[in-house]
Amino acid sequence: MQTRVSTKGQIVLPGALRRKLDIRSGDRLNISIERDGILLKQDRKPMYEARIVKDPVTGWPVLDAGPDAPILTSEMVKEMLADFP
């Protein structure tokens, strides 16, 4: 797989690679210099334990992953469901 460096020094990780490694916008990557090049490693993402609770307004069951869990955008949900069998 190849990519190019932009005039601003940025690189784009190909979509297939991002999906395979579950890398999303805003994720942090650690960069180190190796003898033969550059190594990118993902920071470990925190695990969130989800639970089903009753919505206080509607009374319907909803999924809750706690106050520190990331908020999912519509685009993120679409991307996740695109690979769903």
Protein backbone atom coordinates (compact mmCIF):
# COMPACT_ATOMS: atom_id res chain seq x y z
CA MET A 1 0.00 0.00 0.00
CA GLN A 2 1.34 3.43 -0.83
CA THR A 3 0.46 7.00 0.02
CA ARG A 4 2.08 10.39 -0.58
CA VAL A 5 3.22 13.22 1.61
CA SER A 6 1.39 16.51 1.01
CA THR A 7 3.06 19.91 0.77
CA LYS A 8 2.07 20.41 4.42
CA GLY A 9 3.86 17.19 5.45
CA GLN A 10 0.61 15.27 5.94
CA ILE A 11 -0.06 11.70 4.88
CA VAL A 12 -3.38 9.99 4.23
CA LEU A 13 -3.91 6.49 5.56
CA PRO A 14 -5.91 4.52 2.96
CA GLY A 15 -9.52 3.81 3.92
CA ALA A 16 -9.10 0.03 3.84
CA LEU A 17 -6.24 0.30 6.33
CA ARG A 18 -8.21 2.64 8.63
CA ARG A 19 -11.21 0.31 8.61
CA LYS A 20 -9.10 -2.79 9.25
CA LEU A 21 -7.35 -1.16 12.22
CA ASP A 22 -10.44 0.82 13.36
CA ILE A 23 -8.59 4.14 13.10
CA ARG A 24 -10.95 7.10 13.19
CA SER A 25 -10.69 10.85 12.87
CA GLY A 26 -9.08 12.29 16.01
CA ASP A 27 -7.39 9.02 17.04
CA ARG A 28 -3.85 9.44 18.30
CA LEU A 29 -0.93 7.63 16.68
CA ASN A 30 2.53 7.27 18.19
CA ILE A 31 5.36 7.89 15.72
CA SER A 32 8.89 6.57 16.10
CA ILE A 33 11.92 6.44 13.87
CA GLU A 34 13.14 2.95 13.10
CA ARG A 35 16.37 2.04 11.38
CA ASP A 36 14.63 1.54 8.03
CA GLY A 37 11.87 4.15 8.29
CA ILE A 38 8.97 5.44 10.34
CA LEU A 39 6.71 3.35 12.56
CA LEU A 40 3.13 4.41 13.39
CA LYS A 41 1.39 2.73 16.32
CA GLN A 42 -2.13 3.27 17.61
CA ASP A 43 -2.67 4.48 21.13
CA ARG A 44 -4.82 1.94 22.90
CA LYS A 45 -8.44 2.99 22.84
CA PRO A 46 -10.25 2.81 26.17
CA MET A 47 -12.85 0.08 26.44
CA TYR A 48 -16.34 1.18 27.34
CA GLU A 49 -18.82 -1.15 28.94
CA ALA A 50 -22.24 -0.55 27.46
CA ARG A 51 -25.50 -1.30 29.18
CA ILE A 52 -29.17 -0.96 28.34
CA VAL A 53 -31.06 1.59 30.44
CA LYS A 54 -34.50 3.16 30.28
CA ASP A 55 -34.58 6.60 28.67
CA PRO A 56 -35.99 8.98 31.30
CA VAL A 57 -37.99 10.95 28.70
CA THR A 58 -39.43 8.24 26.44
CA GLY A 59 -39.21 5.23 28.73
CA TRP A 60 -37.69 3.25 25.85
CA PRO A 61 -34.61 1.09 26.32
CA VAL A 62 -31.42 2.80 25.12
CA LEU A 63 -27.76 1.87 25.01
CA ASP A 64 -25.55 3.76 27.50
CA ALA A 65 -21.76 3.53 27.55
CA GLY A 66 -21.19 6.10 30.29
CA PRO A 67 -20.45 9.82 30.40
CA ASP A 68 -16.88 9.50 29.05
CA ALA A 69 -17.81 7.43 25.99
CA PRO A 70 -17.38 9.13 22.62
CA ILE A 71 -20.46 10.48 20.89
CA LEU A 72 -21.19 8.74 17.61
CA THR A 73 -22.02 10.90 14.62
CA SER A 74 -24.36 9.79 11.85
CA GLU A 75 -21.33 9.34 9.58
CA MET A 76 -19.61 7.09 12.12
CA VAL A 77 -22.74 4.92 12.41
CA LYS A 78 -23.06 4.71 8.60
CA GLU A 79 -19.42 3.64 8.34
CA MET A 80 -19.87 0.96 11.01
CA LEU A 81 -23.04 -0.39 9.40
CA ALA A 82 -21.45 -0.47 5.93
CA ASP A 83 -19.41 -3.52 6.97
CA PHE A 84 -22.26 -5.17 8.85
CA PRO A 85 -23.26 -8.49 7.28
